Amino acid sequence: WPFVPVTTPSELFLSLERLRELHEAILVAITDGSITRRAQAVKESMRGQEYQHFKSRLVRQAIIRVIPRFGFMGTPAGVRMTTAAFFVHMWQPEVMNWL
């Protein structure tokens, strides 16, 4: 699809090119050394399901850090969270395997 709604239909739409840039920025944030170290540090102390939830939170935090760089700075926190949830849903299976 050429455009993906990321807030509401009347608000911001990202072109496919901008979406790719956002994807790349999110992946960079998620694979940041500190996040990977945190994931590894707790891996031994958590059971499988707990660890999956922990990784989900790391992924969400990384996405929330990246989102404002893509024009969301002035939007309400709820919109940023909804947008973050959208990207978590789209890319979580891919990035969870990296941690």
N, C-alpha and C. Protein backbone atom coordinates (compact mmCIF):
# COMPACT_ATOMS: atom_id res chain seq x y z
N TRP A 1 0.83 -1.19 0.00
CA TRP A 1 0.00 0.00 0.00
C TRP A 1 0.87 1.25 0.00
N PRO A 2 0.43 2.28 -0.70
CA PRO A 2 1.28 3.47 -0.78
C PRO A 2 1.25 4.32 0.49
N PHE A 3 0.17 4.30 1.26
CA PHE A 3 0.09 5.12 2.46
C PHE A 3 -0.45 4.30 3.63
N VAL A 4 0.04 4.63 4.81
CA VAL A 4 -0.40 3.94 6.02
C VAL A 4 -0.88 4.99 7.02
N PRO A 5 -2.14 4.92 7.44
CA PRO A 5 -2.58 5.88 8.47
C PRO A 5 -1.93 5.53 9.80
N VAL A 6 -1.33 6.51 10.46
CA VAL A 6 -0.65 6.22 11.71
C VAL A 6 -1.28 6.93 12.90
N THR A 7 -2.21 7.83 12.66
CA THR A 7 -2.92 8.44 13.78
C THR A 7 -4.41 8.27 13.50
N THR A 8 -5.05 9.27 12.93
CA THR A 8 -6.44 9.15 12.51
C THR A 8 -6.51 9.55 11.05
N PRO A 9 -7.59 9.19 10.36
CA PRO A 9 -7.67 9.51 8.93
C PRO A 9 -7.46 10.99 8.62
N SER A 10 -7.89 11.87 9.52
CA SER A 10 -7.76 13.30 9.24
C SER A 10 -6.38 13.84 9.58
N GLU A 11 -5.54 13.02 10.23
CA GLU A 11 -4.23 13.51 10.63
C GLU A 11 -3.15 12.97 9.69
N LEU A 12 -2.00 12.71 10.27
CA LEU A 12 -0.81 12.40 9.50
C LEU A 12 -0.86 11.07 8.77
N PHE A 13 -0.44 11.07 7.53
CA PHE A 13 -0.24 9.84 6.78
C PHE A 13 1.24 9.79 6.41
N LEU A 14 1.80 8.61 6.43
CA LEU A 14 3.20 8.47 6.05
C LEU A 14 3.29 7.83 4.67
N SER A 15 4.12 8.40 3.83
CA SER A 15 4.38 7.77 2.55
C SER A 15 5.18 6.49 2.79
N LEU A 16 5.21 5.63 1.82
CA LEU A 16 5.94 4.38 1.96
C LEU A 16 7.42 4.64 2.23
N GLU A 17 7.98 5.66 1.58
CA GLU A 17 9.39 6.00 1.79
C GLU A 17 9.63 6.44 3.24
N ARG A 18 8.73 7.29 3.74
CA ARG A 18 8.85 7.77 5.13
C ARG A 18 8.65 6.59 6.10
N LEU A 19 7.77 5.70 5.74
CA LEU A 19 7.53 4.52 6.57
C LEU A 19 8.79 3.66 6.66
N ARG A 20 9.48 3.51 5.53
CA ARG A 20 10.74 2.75 5.54
C ARG A 20 11.77 3.42 6.45
N GLU A 21 11.85 4.75 6.38
CA GLU A 21 12.78 5.48 7.25
C GLU A 21 12.44 5.26 8.71
N LEU A 22 11.15 5.31 9.02
CA LEU A 22 10.71 5.09 10.40
C LEU A 22 11.04 3.67 10.84
N HIS A 23 10.78 2.71 9.97
CA HIS A 23 11.10 1.31 10.26
C HIS A 23 12.58 1.17 10.61
N GLU A 24 13.42 1.77 9.79
CA GLU A 24 14.87 1.69 10.02
C GLU A 24 15.26 2.32 11.36
N ALA A 25 14.69 3.49 11.65
CA ALA A 25 15.00 4.17 12.90
C ALA A 25 14.56 3.34 14.11
N ILE A 26 13.41 2.71 13.98
CA ILE A 26 12.90 1.86 15.07
C ILE A 26 13.84 0.67 15.27
N LEU A 27 14.24 0.04 14.19
CA LEU A 27 15.12 -1.12 14.31
C LEU A 27 16.46 -0.73 14.93
N VAL A 28 16.97 0.45 14.56
CA VAL A 28 18.22 0.93 15.16
C VAL A 28 18.03 1.13 16.66
N ALA A 29 16.91 1.75 17.04
CA ALA A 29 16.64 1.98 18.47
C ALA A 29 16.51 0.67 19.23
N ILE A 30 15.85 -0.30 18.61
CA ILE A 30 15.62 -1.58 19.29
C ILE A 30 16.92 -2.36 19.44
N THR A 31 17.77 -2.27 18.45
CA THR A 31 19.01 -3.04 18.51
C THR A 31 20.14 -2.25 19.16
N ASP A 32 19.80 -1.09 19.72
CA ASP A 32 20.76 -0.30 20.49
C ASP A 32 21.38 -1.18 21.57
N GLY A 33 22.67 -1.04 21.78
CA GLY A 33 23.39 -1.90 22.70
C GLY A 33 22.80 -1.98 24.10
N SER A 34 22.32 -0.84 24.62
CA SER A 34 21.79 -0.85 25.98
C SER A 34 20.54 -1.71 26.09
N ILE A 35 19.70 -1.68 25.07
CA ILE A 35 18.49 -2.49 25.09
C ILE A 35 18.85 -3.97 25.02
N THR A 36 19.77 -4.30 24.12
CA THR A 36 20.18 -5.69 23.99
C THR A 36 20.80 -6.19 25.29
N ARG A 37 21.63 -5.37 25.92
CA ARG A 37 22.25 -5.76 27.20
C ARG A 37 21.20 -5.98 28.28
N ARG A 38 20.21 -5.09 28.33
CA ARG A 38 19.15 -5.25 29.33
C ARG A 38 18.39 -6.55 29.10
N ALA A 39 18.12 -6.84 27.84
CA ALA A 39 17.40 -8.07 27.53
C ALA A 39 18.21 -9.29 27.96
N GLN A 40 19.49 -9.29 27.63
CA GLN A 40 20.34 -10.42 27.99
C GLN A 40 20.51 -10.55 29.50
N ALA A 41 20.56 -9.42 30.19
CA ALA A 41 20.78 -9.43 31.64
C ALA A 41 19.65 -10.13 32.38
N VAL A 42 18.44 -9.97 31.88
CA VAL A 42 17.30 -10.57 32.59
C VAL A 42 16.90 -11.92 32.04
N LYS A 43 17.46 -12.28 30.91
CA LYS A 43 17.03 -13.51 30.23
C LYS A 43 17.14 -14.73 31.15
N GLU A 44 18.24 -14.81 31.87
CA GLU A 44 18.48 -15.97 32.72
C GLU A 44 17.54 -16.03 33.91
N SER A 45 17.08 -14.85 34.38
CA SER A 45 16.28 -14.82 35.60
C SER A 45 14.77 -14.93 35.35
N MET A 46 14.37 -14.97 34.10
CA MET A 46 12.93 -15.01 33.80
C MET A 46 12.55 -16.30 33.08
N ARG A 47 11.34 -16.72 33.32
CA ARG A 47 10.79 -17.85 32.56
C ARG A 47 10.43 -17.36 31.16
N GLY A 48 10.21 -18.27 30.25
CA GLY A 48 9.96 -17.92 28.85
C GLY A 48 8.91 -16.86 28.63
N GLN A 49 7.72 -17.05 29.23
CA GLN A 49 6.63 -16.10 29.01
C GLN A 49 6.94 -14.73 29.60
N GLU A 50 7.55 -14.71 30.77
CA GLU A 50 7.95 -13.44 31.40
C GLU A 50 8.92 -12.69 30.49
N TYR A 51 9.85 -13.45 29.93
CA TYR A 51 10.86 -12.83 29.07
C TYR A 51 10.23 -12.26 27.81
N GLN A 52 9.24 -12.94 27.26
CA GLN A 52 8.55 -12.42 26.08
C GLN A 52 7.87 -11.08 26.40
N HIS A 53 7.23 -11.00 27.57
CA HIS A 53 6.59 -9.74 27.98
C HIS A 53 7.64 -8.64 28.16
N PHE A 54 8.76 -9.00 28.75
CA PHE A 54 9.84 -8.03 28.96
C PHE A 54 10.34 -7.50 27.61
N LYS A 55 10.55 -8.39 26.66
CA LYS A 55 11.01 -7.97 25.34
C LYS A 55 9.97 -7.08 24.66
N SER A 56 8.71 -7.40 24.84
CA SER A 56 7.64 -6.57 24.27
C SER A 56 7.74 -5.15 24.79
N ARG A 57 7.98 -5.02 26.09
CA ARG A 57 8.11 -3.68 26.68
C ARG A 57 9.32 -2.95 26.11
N LEU A 58 10.45 -3.65 25.94
CA LEU A 58 11.64 -3.02 25.37
C LEU A 58 11.36 -2.51 23.96
N VAL A 59 10.69 -3.33 23.17
CA VAL A 59 10.36 -2.96 21.80
C VAL A 59 9.46 -1.72 21.81
N ARG A 60 8.45 -1.73 22.66
CA ARG A 60 7.53 -0.60 22.74
C ARG A 60 8.26 0.68 23.16
N GLN A 61 9.15 0.56 24.14
CA GLN A 61 9.91 1.74 24.60
C GLN A 61 10.78 2.30 23.47
N ALA A 62 11.42 1.43 22.72
CA ALA A 62 12.27 1.88 21.61
C ALA A 62 11.43 2.62 20.58
N ILE A 63 10.26 2.08 20.27
CA ILE A 63 9.39 2.71 19.28
C ILE A 63 8.93 4.08 19.78
N ILE A 64 8.55 4.16 21.04
CA ILE A 64 8.07 5.43 21.59
C ILE A 64 9.18 6.48 21.55
N ARG A 65 10.43 6.05 21.73
CA ARG A 65 11.56 6.99 21.65
C ARG A 65 11.74 7.53 20.24
N VAL A 66 11.45 6.71 19.25
CA VAL A 66 11.70 7.08 17.86
C VAL A 66 10.57 7.92 17.28
N ILE A 67 9.34 7.61 17.64
CA ILE A 67 8.16 8.23 17.04
C ILE A 67 8.24 9.77 16.95
N PRO A 68 8.67 10.50 18.00
CA PRO A 68 8.66 11.97 17.91
C PRO A 68 9.51 12.54 16.79
N ARG A 69 10.53 11.80 16.35
CA ARG A 69 11.39 12.30 15.27
C ARG A 69 10.65 12.29 13.93
N PHE A 70 9.48 11.70 13.89
CA PHE A 70 8.77 11.58 12.63
C PHE A 70 7.48 12.41 12.62
N GLY A 71 7.54 13.56 13.29
CA GLY A 71 6.44 14.50 13.20
C GLY A 71 5.35 14.35 14.23
N PHE A 72 5.60 13.58 15.28
CA PHE A 72 4.56 13.36 16.28
C PHE A 72 4.79 14.19 17.54
N MET A 73 5.76 15.09 17.52
CA MET A 73 6.15 15.80 18.73
C MET A 73 4.98 16.52 19.38
N GLY A 74 4.12 17.15 18.58
CA GLY A 74 3.04 17.93 19.16
C GLY A 74 1.76 17.15 19.41
N THR A 75 1.76 15.87 19.10
CA THR A 75 0.53 15.10 19.23
C THR A 75 0.32 14.65 20.67
N PRO A 76 -0.91 14.40 21.05
CA PRO A 76 -1.19 13.94 22.41
C PRO A 76 -0.52 12.59 22.70
N ALA A 77 -0.23 12.35 23.95
CA ALA A 77 0.42 11.09 24.34
C ALA A 77 -0.38 9.89 23.87
N GLY A 78 -1.70 9.98 23.92
CA GLY A 78 -2.55 8.86 23.49
C GLY A 78 -2.34 8.51 22.03
N VAL A 79 -2.16 9.53 21.20
CA VAL A 79 -1.92 9.29 19.78
C VAL A 79 -0.56 8.63 19.60
N ARG A 80 0.45 9.11 20.33
CA ARG A 80 1.78 8.49 20.23
C ARG A 80 1.72 7.04 20.66
N MET A 81 0.97 6.75 21.72
CA MET A 81 0.87 5.37 22.21
C MET A 81 0.16 4.49 21.19
N THR A 82 -0.90 5.03 20.59
CA THR A 82 -1.63 4.27 19.57
C THR A 82 -0.73 3.98 18.38
N THR A 83 0.02 4.98 17.98
CA THR A 83 0.95 4.82 16.87
C THR A 83 2.02 3.80 17.20
N ALA A 84 2.56 3.91 18.42
CA ALA A 84 3.57 2.94 18.85
C ALA A 84 2.99 1.53 18.83
N ALA A 85 1.77 1.38 19.31
CA ALA A 85 1.13 0.06 19.34
C ALA A 85 0.98 -0.49 17.93
N PHE A 86 0.66 0.40 16.98
CA PHE A 86 0.53 -0.01 15.59
C PHE A 86 1.84 -0.60 15.06
N PHE A 87 2.94 0.09 15.34
CA PHE A 87 4.24 -0.38 14.85
C PHE A 87 4.72 -1.61 15.60
N VAL A 88 4.41 -1.67 16.89
CA VAL A 88 4.74 -2.89 17.63
C VAL A 88 4.03 -4.07 16.98
N HIS A 89 2.77 -3.89 16.68
CA HIS A 89 1.99 -4.97 16.06
C HIS A 89 2.59 -5.38 14.72
N MET A 90 3.02 -4.39 13.94
CA MET A 90 3.56 -4.69 12.61
C MET A 90 4.91 -5.41 12.66
N TRP A 91 5.79 -4.96 13.57
CA TRP A 91 7.18 -5.41 13.49
C TRP A 91 7.65 -6.26 14.65
N GLN A 92 6.79 -6.45 15.63
CA GLN A 92 7.23 -7.17 16.82
C GLN A 92 7.79 -8.56 16.50
N PRO A 93 7.11 -9.36 15.69
CA PRO A 93 7.66 -10.71 15.44
C PRO A 93 9.08 -10.66 14.87
N GLU A 94 9.31 -9.68 13.98
CA GLU A 94 10.63 -9.54 13.36
C GLU A 94 11.69 -9.16 14.39
N VAL A 95 11.40 -8.11 15.18
CA VAL A 95 12.44 -7.60 16.07
C VAL A 95 12.60 -8.43 17.33
N MET A 96 11.55 -9.11 17.76
CA MET A 96 11.65 -9.92 18.98
C MET A 96 12.70 -11.01 18.81
N ASN A 97 12.84 -11.50 17.60
CA ASN A 97 13.83 -12.55 17.35
C ASN A 97 15.25 -12.05 17.48
N TRP A 98 15.44 -10.75 17.42
CA TRP A 98 16.80 -10.20 17.48
C TRP A 98 17.33 -10.10 18.89
N LEU A 99 16.43 -10.12 19.88
CA LEU A 99 16.86 -9.92 21.27
C LEU A 99 17.14 -11.25 21.94
